[in-house]
Amino acid sequence: MSEPLHISKLLGKVMQKIEKKVIDNTEAFSVNWKRIVGKEFAENSKVLGKNKRKLLVGVKDSLYLFELNSKKIEILSKLKRAKPESNINDIKFLIFTKDEQNGKEL
C-alpha cells in the first residue's frame, strides 16, 4: 500500500490541471476572436475565459461595451460556426479598470 499524499500536494496537482484547461480554452477563443469581431474590436477587447456556457470578454471602455453588446447575436452566431464544440450560448462583456487594462494588455 502506498503512502498517503498530503492534501497540499494533491491540491497543487489538481489546480495545475484546472489552470492549464482554462488557459487552453482562453487561447483557443483568442485565436478566433480577431476573425470574429474584426481588428478594431479585437484590439480593444480580450477574451478572459469561459464560465460554463458563457464567454467572458473584457473591453476597454463603455463605447466598446455598447458596440459589442449591440453585436452580441451576430458574434454568438460567428462563434458557433467557428467553434461549434464550445457550446457557448452567451457572452458577458466587462469593462476593465485601468489596472486591469495594464495587466491584460488592452
PDB file of N, CA and C in Angstrom:
ATOM      1  N   MET A   1       0.845  -1.177   0.000  1.00  0.00           N
ATOM      2  CA  MET A   1       0.000   0.000   0.000  1.00  0.00           C
ATOM      3  C   MET A   1       0.893   1.244   0.000  1.00  0.00           C
ATOM      4  N   SER A   2       0.535   2.220  -0.786  1.00  0.00           N
ATOM      5  CA  SER A   2       1.354   3.433  -0.888  1.00  0.00           C
ATOM      6  C   SER A   2       1.048   4.401   0.248  1.00  0.00           C
ATOM      7  N   GLU A   3       1.999   5.302   0.461  1.00  0.00           N
ATOM      8  CA  GLU A   3       1.852   6.320   1.499  1.00  0.00           C
ATOM      9  C   GLU A   3       0.776   7.329   1.096  1.00  0.00           C
ATOM     10  N   PRO A   4       0.002   7.820   2.037  1.00  0.00           N
ATOM     11  CA  PRO A   4      -0.995   8.841   1.705  1.00  0.00           C
ATOM     12  C   PRO A   4      -0.302  10.155   1.311  1.00  0.00           C
ATOM     13  N   LEU A   5      -0.929  10.860   0.376  1.00  0.00           N
ATOM     14  CA  LEU A   5      -0.408  12.156  -0.063  1.00  0.00           C
ATOM     15  C   LEU A   5      -0.940  13.257   0.839  1.00  0.00           C
ATOM     16  N   HIS A   6      -0.090  14.226   1.091  1.00  0.00           N
ATOM     17  CA  HIS A   6      -0.541  15.398   1.847  1.00  0.00           C
ATOM     18  C   HIS A   6      -1.487  16.196   0.953  1.00  0.00           C
ATOM     19  N   ILE A   7      -2.507  16.759   1.532  1.00  0.00           N
ATOM     20  CA  ILE A   7      -3.528  17.484   0.769  1.00  0.00           C
ATOM     21  C   ILE A   7      -2.931  18.614  -0.071  1.00  0.00           C
ATOM     22  N   SER A   8      -1.893  19.283   0.409  1.00  0.00           N
ATOM     23  CA  SER A   8      -1.296  20.391  -0.347  1.00  0.00           C
ATOM     24  C   SER A   8      -0.681  19.899  -1.657  1.00  0.00           C
ATOM     25  N   LYS A   9      -0.096  18.703  -1.650  1.00  0.00           N
ATOM     26  CA  LYS A   9       0.474  18.150  -2.888  1.00  0.00           C
ATOM     27  C   LYS A   9      -0.633  17.770  -3.863  1.00  0.00           C
ATOM     28  N   LEU A  10      -1.679  17.188  -3.342  1.00  0.00           N
ATOM     29  CA  LEU A  10      -2.804  16.785  -4.177  1.00  0.00           C
ATOM     30  C   LEU A  10      -3.500  18.002  -4.783  1.00  0.00           C
ATOM     31  N   LEU A  11      -3.765  19.012  -3.977  1.00  0.00           N
ATOM     32  CA  LEU A  11      -4.417  20.228  -4.471  1.00  0.00           C
ATOM     33  C   LEU A  11      -3.562  20.938  -5.511  1.00  0.00           C
ATOM     34  N   GLY A  12      -2.256  20.946  -5.312  1.00  0.00           N
ATOM     35  CA  GLY A  12      -1.354  21.570  -6.284  1.00  0.00           C
ATOM     36  C   GLY A  12      -1.481  20.929  -7.652  1.00  0.00           C
ATOM     37  N   LYS A  13      -1.528  19.598  -7.685  1.00  0.00           N
ATOM     38  CA  LYS A  13      -1.668  18.881  -8.958  1.00  0.00           C
ATOM     39  C   LYS A  13      -3.021  19.166  -9.612  1.00  0.00           C
ATOM     40  N   VAL A  14      -4.066  19.160  -8.820  1.00  0.00           N
ATOM     41  CA  VAL A  14      -5.410  19.419  -9.342  1.00  0.00           C
ATOM     42  C   VAL A  14      -5.497  20.836  -9.899  1.00  0.00           C
ATOM     43  N   MET A  15      -4.978  21.809  -9.170  1.00  0.00           N
ATOM     44  CA  MET A  15      -5.031  23.209  -9.617  1.00  0.00           C
ATOM     45  C   MET A  15      -4.238  23.415 -10.904  1.00  0.00           C
ATOM     46  N   GLN A  16      -3.105  22.735 -11.065  1.00  0.00           N
ATOM     47  CA  GLN A  16      -2.325  22.849 -12.300  1.00  0.00           C
ATOM     48  C   GLN A  16      -3.140  22.367 -13.489  1.00  0.00           C
ATOM     49  N   LYS A  17      -3.852  21.264 -13.325  1.00  0.00           N
ATOM     50  CA  LYS A  17      -4.676  20.742 -14.413  1.00  0.00           C
ATOM     51  C   LYS A  17      -5.810  21.710 -14.754  1.00  0.00           C
ATOM     52  N   ILE A  18      -6.448  22.264 -13.742  1.00  0.00           N
ATOM     53  CA  ILE A  18      -7.544  23.209 -13.973  1.00  0.00           C
ATOM     54  C   ILE A  18      -7.022  24.466 -14.662  1.00  0.00           C
ATOM     55  N   GLU A  19      -5.908  25.017 -14.178  1.00  0.00           N
ATOM     56  CA  GLU A  19      -5.333  26.223 -14.783  1.00  0.00           C
ATOM     57  C   GLU A  19      -4.968  25.987 -16.237  1.00  0.00           C
ATOM     58  N   LYS A  20      -4.383  24.828 -16.535  1.00  0.00           N
ATOM     59  CA  LYS A  20      -3.997  24.524 -17.912  1.00  0.00           C
ATOM     60  C   LYS A  20      -5.227  24.473 -18.809  1.00  0.00           C
ATOM     61  N   LYS A  21      -6.306  23.866 -18.334  1.00  0.00           N
ATOM     62  CA  LYS A  21      -7.530  23.777 -19.119  1.00  0.00           C
ATOM     63  C   LYS A  21      -8.120  25.162 -19.377  1.00  0.00           C
ATOM     64  N   VAL A  22      -8.140  26.020 -18.369  1.00  0.00           N
ATOM     65  CA  VAL A  22      -8.662  27.381 -18.526  1.00  0.00           C
ATOM     66  C   VAL A  22      -7.819  28.153 -19.528  1.00  0.00           C
ATOM     67  N   ILE A  23      -6.497  28.056 -19.424  1.00  0.00           N
ATOM     68  CA  ILE A  23      -5.605  28.754 -20.350  1.00  0.00           C
ATOM     69  C   ILE A  23      -5.799  28.240 -21.763  1.00  0.00           C
ATOM     70  N   ASP A  24      -5.885  26.932 -21.944  1.00  0.00           N
ATOM     71  CA  ASP A  24      -6.094  26.354 -23.277  1.00  0.00           C
ATOM     72  C   ASP A  24      -7.396  26.848 -23.889  1.00  0.00           C
ATOM     73  N   ASN A  25      -8.476  26.873 -23.110  1.00  0.00           N
ATOM     74  CA  ASN A  25      -9.769  27.360 -23.611  1.00  0.00           C
ATOM     75  C   ASN A  25      -9.691  28.827 -24.006  1.00  0.00           C
ATOM     76  N   THR A  26      -9.067  29.632 -23.172  1.00  0.00           N
ATOM     77  CA  THR A  26      -8.958  31.065 -23.449  1.00  0.00           C
ATOM     78  C   THR A  26      -8.144  31.308 -24.709  1.00  0.00           C
ATOM     79  N   GLU A  27      -7.030  30.595 -24.861  1.00  0.00           N
ATOM     80  CA  GLU A  27      -6.196  30.761 -26.048  1.00  0.00           C
ATOM     81  C   GLU A  27      -6.944  30.349 -27.304  1.00  0.00           C
ATOM     82  N   ALA A  28      -7.727  29.286 -27.230  1.00  0.00           N
ATOM     83  CA  ALA A  28      -8.483  28.833 -28.402  1.00  0.00           C
ATOM     84  C   ALA A  28      -9.474  29.899 -28.853  1.00  0.00           C
ATOM     85  N   PHE A  29     -10.144  30.547 -27.914  1.00  0.00           N
ATOM     86  CA  PHE A  29     -11.084  31.609 -28.278  1.00  0.00           C
ATOM     87  C   PHE A  29     -10.350  32.855 -28.749  1.00  0.00           C
ATOM     88  N   SER A  30      -9.213  33.158 -28.132  1.00  0.00           N
ATOM     89  CA  SER A  30      -8.453  34.349 -28.512  1.00  0.00           C
ATOM     90  C   SER A  30      -7.978  34.280 -29.950  1.00  0.00           C
ATOM     91  N   VAL A  31      -7.601  33.096 -30.403  1.00  0.00           N
ATOM     92  CA  VAL A  31      -7.133  32.924 -31.779  1.00  0.00           C
ATOM     93  C   VAL A  31      -8.222  33.318 -32.764  1.00  0.00           C
ATOM     94  N   ASN A  32      -9.451  32.930 -32.492  1.00  0.00           N
ATOM     95  CA  ASN A  32     -10.571  33.223 -33.387  1.00  0.00           C
ATOM     96  C   ASN A  32     -11.177  34.605 -33.159  1.00  0.00           C
ATOM     97  N   TRP A  33     -10.899  35.231 -32.028  1.00  0.00           N
ATOM     98  CA  TRP A  33     -11.569  36.465 -31.648  1.00  0.00           C
ATOM     99  C   TRP A  33     -11.406  37.562 -32.697  1.00  0.00           C
ATOM    100  N   LYS A  34     -10.191  37.753 -33.204  1.00  0.00           N
ATOM    101  CA  LYS A  34      -9.949  38.812 -34.189  1.00  0.00           C
ATOM    102  C   LYS A  34     -10.749  38.558 -35.462  1.00  0.00           C
ATOM    103  N   ARG A  35     -10.824  37.305 -35.893  1.00  0.00           N
ATOM    104  CA  ARG A  35     -11.604  36.968 -37.095  1.00  0.00           C
ATOM    105  C   ARG A  35     -13.099  37.169 -36.864  1.00  0.00           C
ATOM    106  N   ILE A  36     -13.533  36.931 -35.661  1.00  0.00           N
ATOM    107  CA  ILE A  36     -14.964  37.005 -35.359  1.00  0.00           C
ATOM    108  C   ILE A  36     -15.442  38.453 -35.208  1.00  0.00           C
ATOM    109  N   VAL A  37     -14.679  39.286 -34.492  1.00  0.00           N
ATOM    110  CA  VAL A  37     -15.146  40.649 -34.213  1.00  0.00           C
ATOM    111  C   VAL A  37     -14.466  41.720 -35.057  1.00  0.00           C
ATOM    112  N   GLY A  38     -13.387  41.378 -35.740  1.00  0.00           N
ATOM    113  CA  GLY A  38     -12.670  42.369 -36.544  1.00  0.00           C
ATOM    114  C   GLY A  38     -11.515  42.992 -35.773  1.00  0.00           C
ATOM    115  N   LYS A  39     -10.629  43.630 -36.517  1.00  0.00           N
ATOM    116  CA  LYS A  39      -9.382  44.152 -35.955  1.00  0.00           C
ATOM    117  C   LYS A  39      -9.610  45.186 -34.845  1.00  0.00           C
ATOM    118  N   GLU A  40     -10.445  46.193 -35.113  1.00  0.00           N
ATOM    119  CA  GLU A  40     -10.633  47.272 -34.127  1.00  0.00           C
ATOM    120  C   GLU A  40     -11.189  46.748 -32.808  1.00  0.00           C
ATOM    121  N   PHE A  41     -12.241  45.929 -32.875  1.00  0.00           N
ATOM    122  CA  PHE A  41     -12.823  45.392 -31.644  1.00  0.00           C
ATOM    123  C   PHE A  41     -11.849  44.451 -30.938  1.00  0.00           C
ATOM    124  N   ALA A  42     -11.104  43.667 -31.692  1.00  0.00           N
ATOM    125  CA  ALA A  42     -10.142  42.742 -31.094  1.00  0.00           C
ATOM    126  C   ALA A  42      -9.028  43.488 -30.367  1.00  0.00           C
ATOM    127  N   GLU A  43      -8.623  44.632 -30.909  1.00  0.00           N
ATOM    128  CA  GLU A  43      -7.566  45.424 -30.268  1.00  0.00           C
ATOM    129  C   GLU A  43      -8.047  46.102 -28.987  1.00  0.00           C
ATOM    130  N   ASN A  44      -9.339  46.228 -28.822  1.00  0.00           N
ATOM    131  CA  ASN A  44      -9.897  46.916 -27.658  1.00  0.00           C
ATOM    132  C   ASN A  44     -10.704  46.000 -26.750  1.00  0.00           C
ATOM    133  N   SER A  45     -10.513  44.717 -26.920  1.00  0.00           N
ATOM    134  CA  SER A  45     -11.183  43.733 -26.073  1.00  0.00           C
ATOM    135  C   SER A  45     -10.290  42.506 -25.958  1.00  0.00           C
ATOM    136  N   LYS A  46     -10.596  41.672 -24.982  1.00  0.00           N
ATOM    137  CA  LYS A  46      -9.793  40.464 -24.776  1.00  0.00           C
ATOM    138  C   LYS A  46     -10.661  39.373 -24.162  1.00  0.00           C
ATOM    139  N   VAL A  47     -10.550  38.176 -24.712  1.00  0.00           N
ATOM    140  CA  VAL A  47     -11.262  37.028 -24.148  1.00  0.00           C
ATOM    141  C   VAL A  47     -10.597  36.683 -22.824  1.00  0.00           C
ATOM    142  N   LEU A  48     -11.393  36.667 -21.763  1.00  0.00           N
ATOM    143  CA  LEU A  48     -10.876  36.385 -20.427  1.00  0.00           C
ATOM    144  C   LEU A  48     -11.009  34.917 -20.065  1.00  0.00           C
ATOM    145  N   GLY A  49     -12.025  34.280 -20.606  1.00  0.00           N
ATOM    146  CA  GLY A  49     -12.249  32.881 -20.284  1.00  0.00           C
ATOM    147  C   GLY A  49     -13.689  32.492 -20.526  1.00  0.00           C
ATOM    148  N   LYS A  50     -14.035  31.361 -19.956  1.00  0.00           N
ATOM    149  CA  LYS A  50     -15.353  30.787 -20.159  1.00  0.00           C
ATOM    150  C   LYS A  50     -15.888  30.363 -18.800  1.00  0.00           C
ATOM    151  N   ASN A  51     -17.134  30.695 -18.522  1.00  0.00           N
ATOM    152  CA  ASN A  51     -17.793  30.269 -17.300  1.00  0.00           C
ATOM    153  C   ASN A  51     -19.020  29.474 -17.704  1.00  0.00           C
ATOM    154  N   LYS A  52     -18.924  28.161 -17.581  1.00  0.00           N
ATOM    155  CA  LYS A  52     -19.954  27.241 -18.058  1.00  0.00           C
ATOM    156  C   LYS A  52     -20.159  27.471 -19.552  1.00  0.00           C
ATOM    157  N   ARG A  53     -21.299  28.011 -19.962  1.00  0.00           N
ATOM    158  CA  ARG A  53     -21.565  28.228 -21.393  1.00  0.00           C
ATOM    159  C   ARG A  53     -21.518  29.710 -21.761  1.00  0.00           C
ATOM    160  N   LYS A  54     -20.887  30.507 -20.911  1.00  0.00           N
ATOM    161  CA  LYS A  54     -20.807  31.951 -21.134  1.00  0.00           C
ATOM    162  C   LYS A  54     -19.351  32.351 -21.375  1.00  0.00           C
ATOM    163  N   LEU A  55     -19.113  33.091 -22.454  1.00  0.00           N
ATOM    164  CA  LEU A  55     -17.788  33.610 -22.759  1.00  0.00           C
ATOM    165  C   LEU A  55     -17.631  34.960 -22.068  1.00  0.00           C
ATOM    166  N   LEU A  56     -16.532  35.141 -21.341  1.00  0.00           N
ATOM    167  CA  LEU A  56     -16.267  36.389 -20.638  1.00  0.00           C
ATOM    168  C   LEU A  56     -15.245  37.196 -21.426  1.00  0.00           C
ATOM    169  N   VAL A  57     -15.601  38.447 -21.728  1.00  0.00           N
ATOM    170  CA  VAL A  57     -14.751  39.304 -22.554  1.00  0.00           C
ATOM    171  C   VAL A  57     -14.563  40.645 -21.859  1.00  0.00           C
ATOM    172  N   GLY A  58     -13.312  41.049 -21.688  1.00  0.00           N
ATOM    173  CA  GLY A  58     -13.000  42.362 -21.134  1.00  0.00           C
ATOM    174  C   GLY A  58     -12.925  43.384 -22.254  1.00  0.00           C
ATOM    175  N   VAL A  59     -13.461  44.576 -22.017  1.00  0.00           N
ATOM    176  CA  VAL A  59     -13.430  45.642 -23.024  1.00  0.00           C
ATOM    177  C   VAL A  59     -12.785  46.891 -22.429  1.00  0.00           C
ATOM    178  N   LYS A  60     -12.279  47.738 -23.312  1.00  0.00           N
ATOM    179  CA  LYS A  60     -11.521  48.922 -22.908  1.00  0.00           C
ATOM    180  C   LYS A  60     -12.376  49.984 -22.218  1.00  0.00           C
ATOM    181  N   ASP A  61     -13.553  50.250 -22.759  1.00  0.00           N
ATOM    182  CA  ASP A  61     -14.394  51.310 -22.197  1.00  0.00           C
ATOM    183  C   ASP A  61     -15.858  51.083 -22.559  1.00  0.00           C
ATOM    184  N   SER A  62     -16.709  52.016 -22.126  1.00  0.00           N
ATOM    185  CA  SER A  62     -18.152  51.856 -22.326  1.00  0.00           C
ATOM    186  C   SER A  62     -18.555  51.901 -23.799  1.00  0.00           C
ATOM    187  N   LEU A  63     -17.786  52.590 -24.622  1.00  0.00           N
ATOM    188  CA  LEU A  63     -18.080  52.626 -26.057  1.00  0.00           C
ATOM    189  C   LEU A  63     -18.009  51.212 -26.640  1.00  0.00           C
ATOM    190  N   TYR A  64     -16.931  50.500 -26.344  1.00  0.00           N
ATOM    191  CA  TYR A  64     -16.783  49.142 -26.868  1.00  0.00           C
ATOM    192  C   TYR A  64     -17.758  48.180 -26.199  1.00  0.00           C
ATOM    193  N   LEU A  65     -18.078  48.430 -24.943  1.00  0.00           N
ATOM    194  CA  LEU A  65     -19.092  47.626 -24.263  1.00  0.00           C
ATOM    195  C   LEU A  65     -20.421  47.737 -24.996  1.00  0.00           C
ATOM    196  N   PHE A  66     -20.831  48.959 -25.307  1.00  0.00           N
ATOM    197  CA  PHE A  66     -22.089  49.193 -26.011  1.00  0.00           C
ATOM    198  C   PHE A  66     -22.059  48.572 -27.406  1.00  0.00           C
ATOM    199  N   GLU A  67     -20.991  48.840 -28.162  1.00  0.00           N
ATOM    200  CA  GLU A  67     -20.889  48.346 -29.540  1.00  0.00           C
ATOM    201  C   GLU A  67     -20.897  46.817 -29.592  1.00  0.00           C
ATOM    202  N   LEU A  68     -20.101  46.191 -28.741  1.00  0.00           N
ATOM    203  CA  LEU A  68     -20.046  44.727 -28.757  1.00  0.00           C
ATOM    204  C   LEU A  68     -21.352  44.117 -28.260  1.00  0.00           C
ATOM    205  N   ASN A  69     -21.980  44.726 -27.262  1.00  0.00           N
ATOM    206  CA  ASN A  69     -23.288  44.234 -26.804  1.00  0.00           C
ATOM    207  C   ASN A  69     -24.328  44.320 -27.909  1.00  0.00           C
ATOM    208  N   SER A  70     -24.267  45.372 -28.718  1.00  0.00           N
ATOM    209  CA  SER A  70     -25.238  45.515 -29.807  1.00  0.00           C
ATOM    210  C   SER A  70     -25.006  44.481 -30.910  1.00  0.00           C
ATOM    211  N   LYS A  71     -23.818  43.913 -30.965  1.00  0.00           N
ATOM    212  CA  LYS A  71     -23.491  42.893 -31.967  1.00  0.00           C
ATOM    213  C   LYS A  71     -23.452  41.484 -31.365  1.00  0.00           C
ATOM    214  N   LYS A  72     -23.937  41.330 -30.155  1.00  0.00           N
ATOM    215  CA  LYS A  72     -23.824  40.063 -29.431  1.00  0.00           C
ATOM    216  C   LYS A  72     -24.402  38.875 -30.207  1.00  0.00           C
ATOM    217  N   ILE A  73     -25.580  39.020 -30.784  1.00  0.00           N
ATOM    218  CA  ILE A  73     -26.212  37.911 -31.515  1.00  0.00           C
ATOM    219  C   ILE A  73     -25.364  37.513 -32.717  1.00  0.00           C
ATOM    220  N   GLU A  74     -24.882  38.505 -33.441  1.00  0.00           N
ATOM    221  CA  GLU A  74     -24.012  38.243 -34.598  1.00  0.00           C
ATOM    222  C   GLU A  74     -22.709  37.563 -34.159  1.00  0.00           C
ATOM    223  N   ILE A  75     -22.113  38.028 -33.067  1.00  0.00           N
ATOM    224  CA  ILE A  75     -20.868  37.442 -32.556  1.00  0.00           C
ATOM    225  C   ILE A  75     -21.104  36.000 -32.117  1.00  0.00           C
ATOM    226  N   LEU A  76     -22.204  35.755 -31.410  1.00  0.00           N
ATOM    227  CA  LEU A  76     -22.528  34.386 -30.979  1.00  0.00           C
ATOM    228  C   LEU A  76     -22.692  33.457 -32.172  1.00  0.00           C
ATOM    229  N   SER A  77     -23.348  33.937 -33.205  1.00  0.00           N
ATOM    230  CA  SER A  77     -23.536  33.142 -34.415  1.00  0.00           C
ATOM    231  C   SER A  77     -22.190  32.785 -35.047  1.00  0.00           C
ATOM    232  N   LYS A  78     -21.302  33.769 -35.147  1.00  0.00           N
ATOM    233  CA  LYS A  78     -19.969  33.520 -35.716  1.00  0.00           C
ATOM    234  C   LYS A  78     -19.157  32.574 -34.839  1.00  0.00           C
ATOM    235  N   LEU A  79     -19.286  32.728 -33.517  1.00  0.00           N
ATOM    236  CA  LEU A  79     -18.585  31.833 -32.591  1.00  0.00           C
ATOM    237  C   LEU A  79     -19.039  30.388 -32.764  1.00  0.00           C
ATOM    238  N   LYS A  80     -20.341  30.198 -32.897  1.00  0.00           N
ATOM    239  CA  LYS A  80     -20.882  28.846 -33.053  1.00  0.00           C
ATOM    240  C   LYS A  80     -20.412  28.203 -34.350  1.00  0.00           C
ATOM    241  N   ARG A  81     -20.289  29.022 -35.410  1.00  0.00           N
ATOM    242  CA  ARG A  81     -19.777  28.485 -36.676  1.00  0.00           C
ATOM    243  C   ARG A  81     -18.284  28.175 -36.579  1.00  0.00           C
ATOM    244  N   ALA A  82     -17.527  29.052 -35.916  1.00  0.00           N
ATOM    245  CA  ALA A  82     -16.077  28.884 -35.823  1.00  0.00           C
ATOM    246  C   ALA A  82     -15.680  27.781 -34.847  1.00  0.00           C
ATOM    247  N   LYS A  83     -16.442  27.614 -33.783  1.00  0.00           N
ATOM    248  CA  LYS A  83     -16.089  26.654 -32.735  1.00  0.00           C
ATOM    249  C   LYS A  83     -17.355  26.008 -32.170  1.00  0.00           C
ATOM    250  N   PRO A  84     -18.017  25.156 -32.969  1.00  0.00           N
ATOM    251  CA  PRO A  84     -19.298  24.579 -32.535  1.00  0.00           C
ATOM    252  C   PRO A  84     -19.201  23.716 -31.275  1.00  0.00           C
ATOM    253  N   GLU A  85     -18.045  23.125 -31.037  1.00  0.00           N
ATOM    254  CA  GLU A  85     -17.895  22.253 -29.867  1.00  0.00           C
ATOM    255  C   GLU A  85     -17.847  23.034 -28.551  1.00  0.00           C
ATOM    256  N   SER A  86     -17.746  24.346 -28.617  1.00  0.00           N
ATOM    257  CA  SER A  86     -17.617  25.162 -27.403  1.00  0.00           C
ATOM    258  C   SER A  86     -18.916  25.263 -26.602  1.00  0.00           C
ATOM    259  N   ASN A  87     -20.058  25.116 -27.249  1.00  0.00           N
ATOM    260  CA  ASN A  87     -21.366  25.215 -26.584  1.00  0.00           C
ATOM    261  C   ASN A  87     -21.602  26.564 -25.910  1.00  0.00           C
ATOM    262  N   ILE A  88     -21.013  27.620 -26.425  1.00  0.00           N
ATOM    263  CA  ILE A  88     -21.223  28.965 -25.879  1.00  0.00           C
ATOM    264  C   ILE A  88     -22.624  29.433 -26.264  1.00  0.00           C
ATOM    265  N   ASN A  89     -23.395  29.894 -25.275  1.00  0.00           N
ATOM    266  CA  ASN A  89     -24.730  30.410 -25.588  1.00  0.00           C
ATOM    267  C   ASN A  89     -24.938  31.851 -25.115  1.00  0.00           C
ATOM    268  N   ASP A  90     -23.881  32.447 -24.537  1.00  0.00           N
ATOM    269  CA  ASP A  90     -23.985  33.838 -24.098  1.00  0.00           C
ATOM    270  C   ASP A  90     -22.586  34.440 -24.000  1.00  0.00           C
ATOM    271  N   ILE A  91     -22.535  35.767 -24.049  1.00  0.00           N
ATOM    272  CA  ILE A  91     -21.278  36.496 -23.887  1.00  0.00           C
ATOM    273  C   ILE A  91     -21.513  37.582 -22.853  1.00  0.00           C
ATOM    274  N   LYS A  92     -20.598  37.709 -21.926  1.00  0.00           N
ATOM    275  CA  LYS A  92     -20.661  38.797 -20.938  1.00  0.00           C
ATOM    276  C   LYS A  92     -19.470  39.708 -21.187  1.00  0.00           C
ATOM    277  N   PHE A  93     -19.762  40.979 -21.472  1.00  0.00           N
ATOM    278  CA  PHE A  93     -18.723  41.973 -21.694  1.00  0.00           C
ATOM    279  C   PHE A  93     -18.526  42.765 -20.407  1.00  0.00           C
ATOM    280  N   LEU A  94     -17.271  42.931 -19.998  1.00  0.00           N
ATOM    281  CA  LEU A  94     -16.932  43.624 -18.762  1.00  0.00           C
ATOM    282  C   LEU A  94     -15.947  44.746 -19.065  1.00  0.00           C
ATOM    283  N   ILE A  95     -16.127  45.898 -18.440  1.00  0.00           N
ATOM    284  CA  ILE A  95     -15.173  46.993 -18.618  1.00  0.00           C
ATOM    285  C   ILE A  95     -14.027  46.798 -17.632  1.00  0.00           C
ATOM    286  N   PHE A  96     -12.800  46.872 -18.161  1.00  0.00           N
ATOM    287  CA  PHE A  96     -11.617  46.785 -17.311  1.00  0.00           C
ATOM    288  C   PHE A  96     -11.380  48.101 -16.596  1.00  0.00           C
ATOM    289  N   THR A  97     -10.861  48.021 -15.384  1.00  0.00           N
ATOM    290  CA  THR A  97     -10.341  49.228 -14.742  1.00  0.00           C
ATOM    291  C   THR A  97      -8.969  49.495 -15.344  1.00  0.00           C
ATOM    292  N   LYS A  98      -8.378  50.646 -15.072  1.00  0.00           N
ATOM    293  CA  LYS A  98      -7.065  50.979 -15.640  1.00  0.00           C
ATOM    294  C   LYS A  98      -6.017  49.945 -15.260  1.00  0.00           C
ATOM    295  N   ASP A  99      -6.013  49.472 -14.009  1.00  0.00           N
ATOM    296  CA  ASP A  99      -5.039  48.471 -13.582  1.00  0.00           C
ATOM    297  C   ASP A  99      -5.224  47.166 -14.334  1.00  0.00           C
ATOM    298  N   GLU A 100      -6.470  46.756 -14.529  1.00  0.00           N
ATOM    299  CA  GLU A 100      -6.733  45.526 -15.268  1.00  0.00           C
ATOM    300  C   GLU A 100      -6.315  45.665 -16.719  1.00  0.00           C
ATOM    301  N   GLN A 101      -6.515  46.842 -17.311  1.00  0.00           N
ATOM    302  CA  GLN A 101      -6.108  47.057 -18.698  1.00  0.00           C
ATOM    303  C   GLN A 101      -4.611  46.870 -18.831  1.00  0.00           C
ATOM    304  N   ASN A 102      -3.842  47.398 -17.884  1.00  0.00           N
ATOM    305  CA  ASN A 102      -2.390  47.250 -17.947  1.00  0.00           C
ATOM    306  C   ASN A 102      -1.990  45.792 -17.818  1.00  0.00           C
ATOM    307  N   GLY A 103      -2.654  45.071 -16.937  1.00  0.00           N
ATOM    308  CA  GLY A 103      -2.338  43.663 -16.752  1.00  0.00           C
ATOM    309  C   GLY A 103      -2.793  42.794 -17.903  1.00  0.00           C
ATOM    310  N   LYS A 104      -3.839  43.191 -18.596  1.00  0.00           N
ATOM    311  CA  LYS A 104      -4.404  42.373 -19.668  1.00  0.00           C
ATOM    312  C   LYS A 104      -3.986  42.848 -21.052  1.00  0.00           C
ATOM    313  N   GLU A 105      -3.169  43.870 -21.113  1.00  0.00           N
ATOM    314  CA  GLU A 105      -2.636  44.385 -22.373  1.00  0.00           C
ATOM    315  C   GLU A 105      -3.704  44.861 -23.340  1.00  0.00           C
ATOM    316  N   LEU A 106      -4.711  45.557 -22.853  1.00  0.00           N
ATOM    317  CA  LEU A 106      -5.726  46.137 -23.738  1.00  0.00           C
ATOM    318  C   LEU A 106      -5.274  47.475 -24.234  1.00  0.00           C
TER     319      LEU A 106
END
